[in-house]
N, C-alpha and C. Protein backbone atom coordinates (compact mmCIF):
# COMPACT_ATOMS: atom_id res chain seq x y z
N MET A 1 -38.98 -180.69 68.14
CA MET A 1 -38.07 -181.34 66.98
C MET A 1 -38.46 -182.82 67.00
N LYS A 2 -38.52 -183.19 65.71
CA LYS A 2 -38.96 -184.69 65.67
C LYS A 2 -37.71 -185.49 65.23
N ILE A 3 -37.48 -186.56 65.66
CA ILE A 3 -36.38 -187.47 65.20
C ILE A 3 -36.76 -188.73 64.95
N ARG A 4 -35.92 -189.54 64.03
CA ARG A 4 -36.14 -190.86 63.78
C ARG A 4 -34.95 -191.76 64.13
N LEU A 5 -35.14 -192.80 65.04
CA LEU A 5 -33.88 -193.60 65.30
C LEU A 5 -33.35 -194.46 64.16
N LYS A 6 -32.09 -194.65 64.30
CA LYS A 6 -31.33 -195.44 63.14
C LYS A 6 -30.35 -196.12 63.70
N ALA A 7 -30.01 -197.27 63.03
CA ALA A 7 -28.79 -197.82 63.54
C ALA A 7 -27.51 -197.25 62.94
N PRO A 8 -26.49 -197.18 63.83
CA PRO A 8 -25.20 -196.72 63.33
C PRO A 8 -24.65 -197.59 62.30
N ALA A 9 -23.76 -197.21 61.50
CA ALA A 9 -23.14 -197.92 60.41
C ALA A 9 -22.53 -199.19 60.95
N GLY A 10 -22.72 -200.28 60.26
CA GLY A 10 -22.35 -201.61 60.74
C GLY A 10 -23.03 -202.24 61.82
N LEU A 11 -24.04 -201.60 62.44
CA LEU A 11 -24.68 -202.21 63.56
C LEU A 11 -26.23 -202.30 63.05
N SER A 12 -26.91 -203.28 63.81
CA SER A 12 -28.40 -203.56 63.55
C SER A 12 -29.28 -203.04 64.44
N SER A 13 -28.80 -202.35 65.44
CA SER A 13 -29.76 -201.76 66.41
C SER A 13 -29.40 -200.35 66.80
N THR A 14 -30.25 -199.58 67.64
CA THR A 14 -29.99 -198.28 67.87
C THR A 14 -29.06 -198.12 69.00
N GLY A 15 -29.12 -199.04 70.08
CA GLY A 15 -28.31 -198.77 71.16
C GLY A 15 -28.73 -197.76 72.02
N ILE A 16 -30.04 -197.41 71.91
CA ILE A 16 -30.59 -196.28 72.67
C ILE A 16 -31.71 -196.94 73.59
N TYR A 17 -31.39 -196.78 75.03
CA TYR A 17 -32.56 -197.40 75.73
C TYR A 17 -33.47 -196.43 76.46
N GLY A 18 -34.80 -196.71 76.45
CA GLY A 18 -35.81 -195.98 77.05
C GLY A 18 -35.92 -196.03 78.64
N LYS A 19 -36.69 -195.18 79.09
CA LYS A 19 -36.89 -195.33 80.67
C LYS A 19 -37.26 -196.57 81.14
N ASP A 20 -37.87 -197.62 80.36
CA ASP A 20 -38.10 -198.79 80.90
C ASP A 20 -36.96 -199.91 80.81
N GLY A 21 -35.78 -199.28 80.30
CA GLY A 21 -34.81 -200.20 80.09
C GLY A 21 -34.61 -201.02 79.04
N LYS A 22 -35.65 -200.80 77.96
CA LYS A 22 -35.71 -201.76 76.76
C LYS A 22 -35.19 -200.81 75.59
N GLU A 23 -34.39 -201.45 74.63
CA GLU A 23 -33.82 -200.86 73.58
C GLU A 23 -34.83 -200.30 72.66
N MET A 24 -34.79 -199.16 72.19
CA MET A 24 -35.72 -198.37 71.31
C MET A 24 -35.28 -198.87 69.96
N PRO A 25 -36.46 -199.39 69.27
CA PRO A 25 -36.29 -199.84 67.73
C PRO A 25 -35.86 -199.03 66.73
N VAL A 26 -35.27 -199.37 65.73
CA VAL A 26 -34.87 -198.50 64.49
C VAL A 26 -36.19 -198.14 64.05
N GLY A 27 -36.20 -196.82 63.61
CA GLY A 27 -37.39 -196.45 62.91
C GLY A 27 -38.40 -195.61 63.85
N GLU A 28 -38.11 -195.94 65.17
CA GLU A 28 -39.17 -195.08 66.08
C GLU A 28 -39.02 -193.66 66.12
N GLU A 29 -39.96 -192.93 66.09
CA GLU A 29 -39.97 -191.55 66.06
C GLU A 29 -40.18 -190.93 67.30
N LEU A 30 -39.43 -189.94 67.70
CA LEU A 30 -39.50 -189.16 68.99
C LEU A 30 -39.64 -187.61 68.85
N ASP A 31 -40.37 -187.08 69.80
CA ASP A 31 -40.31 -185.50 69.80
C ASP A 31 -39.42 -185.30 70.86
N VAL A 32 -38.53 -184.35 70.51
CA VAL A 32 -37.33 -183.93 71.53
C VAL A 32 -37.43 -182.43 71.60
N ALA A 33 -36.95 -181.87 72.75
CA ALA A 33 -37.13 -180.34 72.81
C ALA A 33 -35.73 -179.88 72.19
N GLU A 34 -34.53 -180.61 72.13
CA GLU A 34 -33.45 -180.10 71.41
C GLU A 34 -32.84 -181.34 70.89
N GLU A 35 -31.81 -180.95 69.96
CA GLU A 35 -31.14 -182.25 69.29
C GLU A 35 -30.29 -182.86 70.33
N PRO A 36 -30.44 -184.30 70.44
CA PRO A 36 -29.61 -185.03 71.19
C PRO A 36 -28.42 -185.39 70.64
N ILE A 37 -27.30 -184.50 70.68
CA ILE A 37 -26.11 -184.73 70.00
C ILE A 37 -25.12 -185.64 70.64
N GLY A 38 -25.59 -186.26 71.69
CA GLY A 38 -24.81 -187.39 72.18
C GLY A 38 -25.33 -188.71 71.54
N TRP A 39 -26.31 -188.63 70.81
CA TRP A 39 -26.75 -189.69 70.13
C TRP A 39 -26.20 -189.66 68.66
N ALA A 40 -25.23 -188.97 68.29
CA ALA A 40 -24.86 -188.58 66.87
C ALA A 40 -24.59 -189.93 66.12
N GLY A 41 -25.20 -189.94 65.07
CA GLY A 41 -25.04 -191.17 64.00
C GLY A 41 -26.16 -192.23 64.38
N ARG A 42 -27.19 -192.02 65.41
CA ARG A 42 -28.13 -192.85 65.80
C ARG A 42 -29.47 -192.31 65.39
N TYR A 43 -29.65 -191.04 64.78
CA TYR A 43 -31.09 -190.51 64.46
C TYR A 43 -30.74 -189.71 63.24
N ASP A 44 -31.96 -189.45 62.61
CA ASP A 44 -32.12 -188.30 61.53
C ASP A 44 -33.31 -187.36 61.93
N ILE A 45 -33.01 -186.21 61.71
CA ILE A 45 -34.03 -185.21 62.05
C ILE A 45 -35.02 -185.16 60.88
N ILE A 46 -36.46 -185.32 61.22
CA ILE A 46 -37.28 -185.46 60.22
C ILE A 46 -38.30 -184.33 60.39
N ASP A 47 -38.26 -183.39 61.44
CA ASP A 47 -39.03 -182.13 61.44
C ASP A 47 -38.03 -181.14 62.38
N GLY A 48 -38.16 -179.97 61.86
CA GLY A 48 -37.41 -178.96 62.44
C GLY A 48 -35.90 -179.06 62.31
N SER A 49 -35.55 -179.24 61.01
CA SER A 49 -34.17 -179.45 60.62
C SER A 49 -33.37 -178.20 60.40
N SER A 50 -33.92 -176.96 60.96
CA SER A 50 -32.95 -175.75 60.87
C SER A 50 -31.68 -176.02 61.61
N THR A 51 -30.58 -175.37 61.07
CA THR A 51 -29.25 -175.59 61.51
C THR A 51 -29.03 -174.42 62.59
N GLU A 52 -29.85 -173.46 62.65
CA GLU A 52 -29.84 -172.25 63.49
C GLU A 52 -29.49 -172.61 65.06
N GLY A 53 -28.72 -172.31 65.58
CA GLY A 53 -28.56 -172.53 67.09
C GLY A 53 -28.10 -173.80 67.57
N LYS A 54 -27.52 -174.65 66.40
CA LYS A 54 -27.24 -175.91 66.58
C LYS A 54 -25.67 -176.02 66.72
N THR A 55 -25.11 -176.92 67.64
CA THR A 55 -23.62 -177.10 67.72
C THR A 55 -23.23 -178.32 66.86
N PRO A 56 -22.28 -178.15 65.85
CA PRO A 56 -22.00 -179.25 65.02
C PRO A 56 -21.11 -180.19 65.82
N VAL A 57 -21.45 -181.60 65.40
CA VAL A 57 -20.90 -182.75 66.18
C VAL A 57 -19.58 -182.97 65.41
N THR A 58 -18.50 -183.10 66.14
CA THR A 58 -17.11 -183.46 65.42
C THR A 58 -16.49 -184.45 66.31
N ASN A 59 -15.51 -185.14 65.65
CA ASN A 59 -14.69 -185.98 66.31
C ASN A 59 -13.31 -185.68 66.08
N PRO A 60 -12.72 -184.66 66.95
CA PRO A 60 -11.33 -184.07 66.55
C PRO A 60 -10.30 -185.16 66.77
N ALA A 61 -9.22 -185.22 66.05
CA ALA A 61 -8.24 -185.94 66.25
C ALA A 61 -8.28 -187.60 66.35
N SER A 62 -9.04 -187.96 65.50
CA SER A 62 -9.62 -189.51 65.64
C SER A 62 -8.34 -190.19 65.00
N ALA A 63 -8.12 -191.34 65.69
CA ALA A 63 -7.15 -192.24 65.22
C ALA A 63 -7.59 -193.02 63.74
N TYR A 64 -9.01 -192.94 63.73
CA TYR A 64 -9.52 -193.64 62.52
C TYR A 64 -10.02 -192.80 61.49
N ALA A 65 -9.73 -193.13 60.06
CA ALA A 65 -10.12 -192.54 58.88
C ALA A 65 -10.64 -193.33 57.97
N VAL A 66 -11.33 -192.84 56.97
CA VAL A 66 -11.76 -193.68 55.80
C VAL A 66 -10.88 -193.34 54.64
N ALA A 67 -10.33 -194.18 53.88
CA ALA A 67 -9.52 -193.82 52.81
C ALA A 67 -10.09 -194.80 51.45
N GLU A 68 -9.92 -194.30 50.27
CA GLU A 68 -10.33 -195.06 49.21
C GLU A 68 -9.02 -195.94 48.76
N SER A 69 -9.40 -197.28 48.70
CA SER A 69 -8.42 -198.17 48.58
C SER A 69 -8.17 -198.58 47.02
N SER A 70 -9.53 -198.50 46.19
CA SER A 70 -9.58 -198.52 44.74
C SER A 70 -10.67 -197.86 44.56
N PRO A 71 -10.89 -197.72 43.03
CA PRO A 71 -12.13 -196.76 42.57
C PRO A 71 -13.22 -197.40 43.30
N GLY A 72 -14.14 -196.79 43.96
CA GLY A 72 -15.48 -197.05 44.49
C GLY A 72 -15.24 -198.13 45.70
N TRP A 73 -14.20 -198.23 46.31
CA TRP A 73 -13.96 -199.18 47.43
C TRP A 73 -13.12 -198.48 48.33
N PHE A 74 -13.48 -198.56 49.77
CA PHE A 74 -13.04 -197.80 50.83
C PHE A 74 -12.52 -198.69 52.04
N VAL A 75 -11.68 -198.43 52.72
CA VAL A 75 -11.12 -199.11 53.95
C VAL A 75 -11.19 -198.03 55.06
N VAL A 76 -11.32 -198.49 56.37
CA VAL A 76 -11.06 -197.84 57.38
C VAL A 76 -9.62 -197.99 58.04
N THR A 77 -8.95 -196.80 58.23
CA THR A 77 -7.68 -196.87 58.65
C THR A 77 -7.33 -196.52 59.97
N LYS A 78 -6.38 -197.08 60.80
CA LYS A 78 -6.16 -196.57 62.15
C LYS A 78 -4.69 -196.17 62.10
N ASP A 79 -4.46 -194.89 62.38
CA ASP A 79 -3.05 -194.28 62.38
C ASP A 79 -2.41 -194.63 61.06
N GLY A 80 -3.19 -194.52 59.97
CA GLY A 80 -2.78 -194.60 58.50
C GLY A 80 -2.51 -196.21 58.20
N GLN A 81 -2.99 -197.11 58.90
CA GLN A 81 -2.88 -198.48 58.45
C GLN A 81 -4.16 -199.06 58.24
N PRO A 82 -4.59 -199.83 57.21
CA PRO A 82 -5.78 -200.43 57.11
C PRO A 82 -6.17 -201.16 58.02
N VAL A 83 -7.44 -201.31 58.54
CA VAL A 83 -7.98 -202.27 59.61
C VAL A 83 -9.26 -202.87 59.25
N THR A 84 -9.80 -202.68 58.04
CA THR A 84 -11.03 -203.16 57.62
C THR A 84 -10.85 -203.90 56.10
N LYS A 85 -11.94 -204.82 55.82
CA LYS A 85 -11.89 -205.20 54.48
C LYS A 85 -12.36 -204.11 53.67
N LYS A 86 -12.50 -204.09 52.34
CA LYS A 86 -12.94 -203.26 51.39
C LYS A 86 -14.41 -203.07 51.52
N LEU A 87 -14.86 -201.80 51.55
CA LEU A 87 -16.28 -201.53 51.74
C LEU A 87 -16.79 -200.34 50.74
N ARG A 88 -18.03 -200.52 50.43
CA ARG A 88 -18.68 -199.47 49.63
C ARG A 88 -18.84 -198.07 50.39
N GLN A 89 -18.88 -197.07 49.86
CA GLN A 89 -19.20 -195.90 50.59
C GLN A 89 -20.40 -195.84 51.33
N SER A 90 -21.50 -196.46 50.75
CA SER A 90 -22.98 -196.61 51.52
C SER A 90 -22.60 -197.53 52.90
N ASP A 91 -21.78 -198.19 52.94
CA ASP A 91 -21.52 -199.03 54.29
C ASP A 91 -20.71 -198.21 55.22
N LEU A 92 -20.27 -197.09 54.90
CA LEU A 92 -19.45 -196.17 55.87
C LEU A 92 -20.28 -195.06 56.11
N GLU A 93 -21.64 -195.03 55.77
CA GLU A 93 -22.39 -193.78 56.36
C GLU A 93 -22.54 -193.68 57.66
N GLY A 94 -22.24 -192.37 58.17
CA GLY A 94 -22.31 -192.06 59.56
C GLY A 94 -20.98 -192.41 60.33
N PHE A 95 -20.13 -193.00 59.62
CA PHE A 95 -18.74 -193.44 60.45
C PHE A 95 -18.12 -192.29 60.94
N ASP A 96 -17.96 -191.10 60.27
CA ASP A 96 -17.33 -189.90 60.99
C ASP A 96 -17.79 -189.39 62.22
N ALA A 97 -19.09 -189.61 62.35
CA ALA A 97 -20.09 -189.09 63.38
C ALA A 97 -19.94 -189.99 64.70
N MET A 98 -19.26 -191.26 64.60
CA MET A 98 -19.12 -192.13 65.47
C MET A 98 -18.18 -191.77 66.60
N SER A 99 -18.39 -192.28 67.89
CA SER A 99 -17.50 -192.18 68.84
C SER A 99 -16.19 -193.13 68.59
N GLU A 100 -15.23 -192.83 69.40
CA GLU A 100 -14.01 -193.53 69.19
C GLU A 100 -14.29 -195.03 69.53
N GLU A 101 -14.95 -195.32 70.39
CA GLU A 101 -15.41 -196.64 70.80
C GLU A 101 -16.21 -197.27 69.73
N ASP A 102 -17.28 -196.64 69.15
CA ASP A 102 -17.91 -197.17 68.11
C ASP A 102 -17.28 -197.38 66.72
N LYS A 103 -16.29 -196.43 66.49
CA LYS A 103 -15.42 -196.63 65.52
C LYS A 103 -14.55 -197.86 65.60
N ALA A 104 -13.87 -198.03 66.89
CA ALA A 104 -13.11 -199.38 67.02
C ALA A 104 -14.16 -200.73 66.73
N ALA A 105 -15.18 -200.52 67.53
CA ALA A 105 -16.19 -201.59 67.30
C ALA A 105 -16.50 -202.10 65.92
N PHE A 106 -16.97 -200.93 65.20
CA PHE A 106 -17.09 -201.06 63.61
C PHE A 106 -15.88 -201.78 62.84
N ALA A 107 -14.75 -201.11 63.13
CA ALA A 107 -13.49 -201.74 62.40
C ALA A 107 -13.37 -203.07 62.81
N ASP A 108 -13.74 -203.63 64.10
CA ASP A 108 -13.53 -204.86 64.57
C ASP A 108 -14.51 -205.90 63.92
N LEU A 109 -15.83 -205.52 63.45
CA LEU A 109 -16.74 -206.21 62.90
C LEU A 109 -16.20 -206.22 61.51
N GLN A 110 -15.56 -205.46 60.91
CA GLN A 110 -15.35 -205.39 59.44
C GLN A 110 -13.92 -205.74 59.18
N LYS A 111 -13.11 -206.24 60.04
CA LYS A 111 -11.92 -206.57 59.79
C LYS A 111 -11.61 -207.68 58.90
N VAL A 112 -10.45 -207.79 58.23
CA VAL A 112 -10.07 -208.79 57.20
C VAL A 112 -10.02 -209.94 57.83
N GLU A 113 -10.74 -210.97 57.15
CA GLU A 113 -10.66 -212.33 57.79
C GLU A 113 -9.42 -213.02 57.18
N ALA A 114 -8.66 -213.88 58.18
CA ALA A 114 -7.54 -214.44 57.73
C ALA A 114 -7.80 -215.70 56.87
């Protein structure tokens, strides 16, 4: 299977490091034996995209959710309370696939400025 690395929503780098300890750049293509589900939100499958035999990646019982605040504008909420400024849907691509830690970091980067 071939994958292409991407930056998770709200970040500018992949956060994935190679054997040499250096961060792999956005856009790098890798051949992998199986889908690296631990990297959810940090890659796109570009070859071998069959869903047969794959385990879906989910984040059950997340404290974070995306809610529409006005037509075309969204906010991230934590336990039902808005924690970010208004964002477009494209800004939130991949948010649901993030870990709780990544969601918290994203919310912190996008918080409403006082």
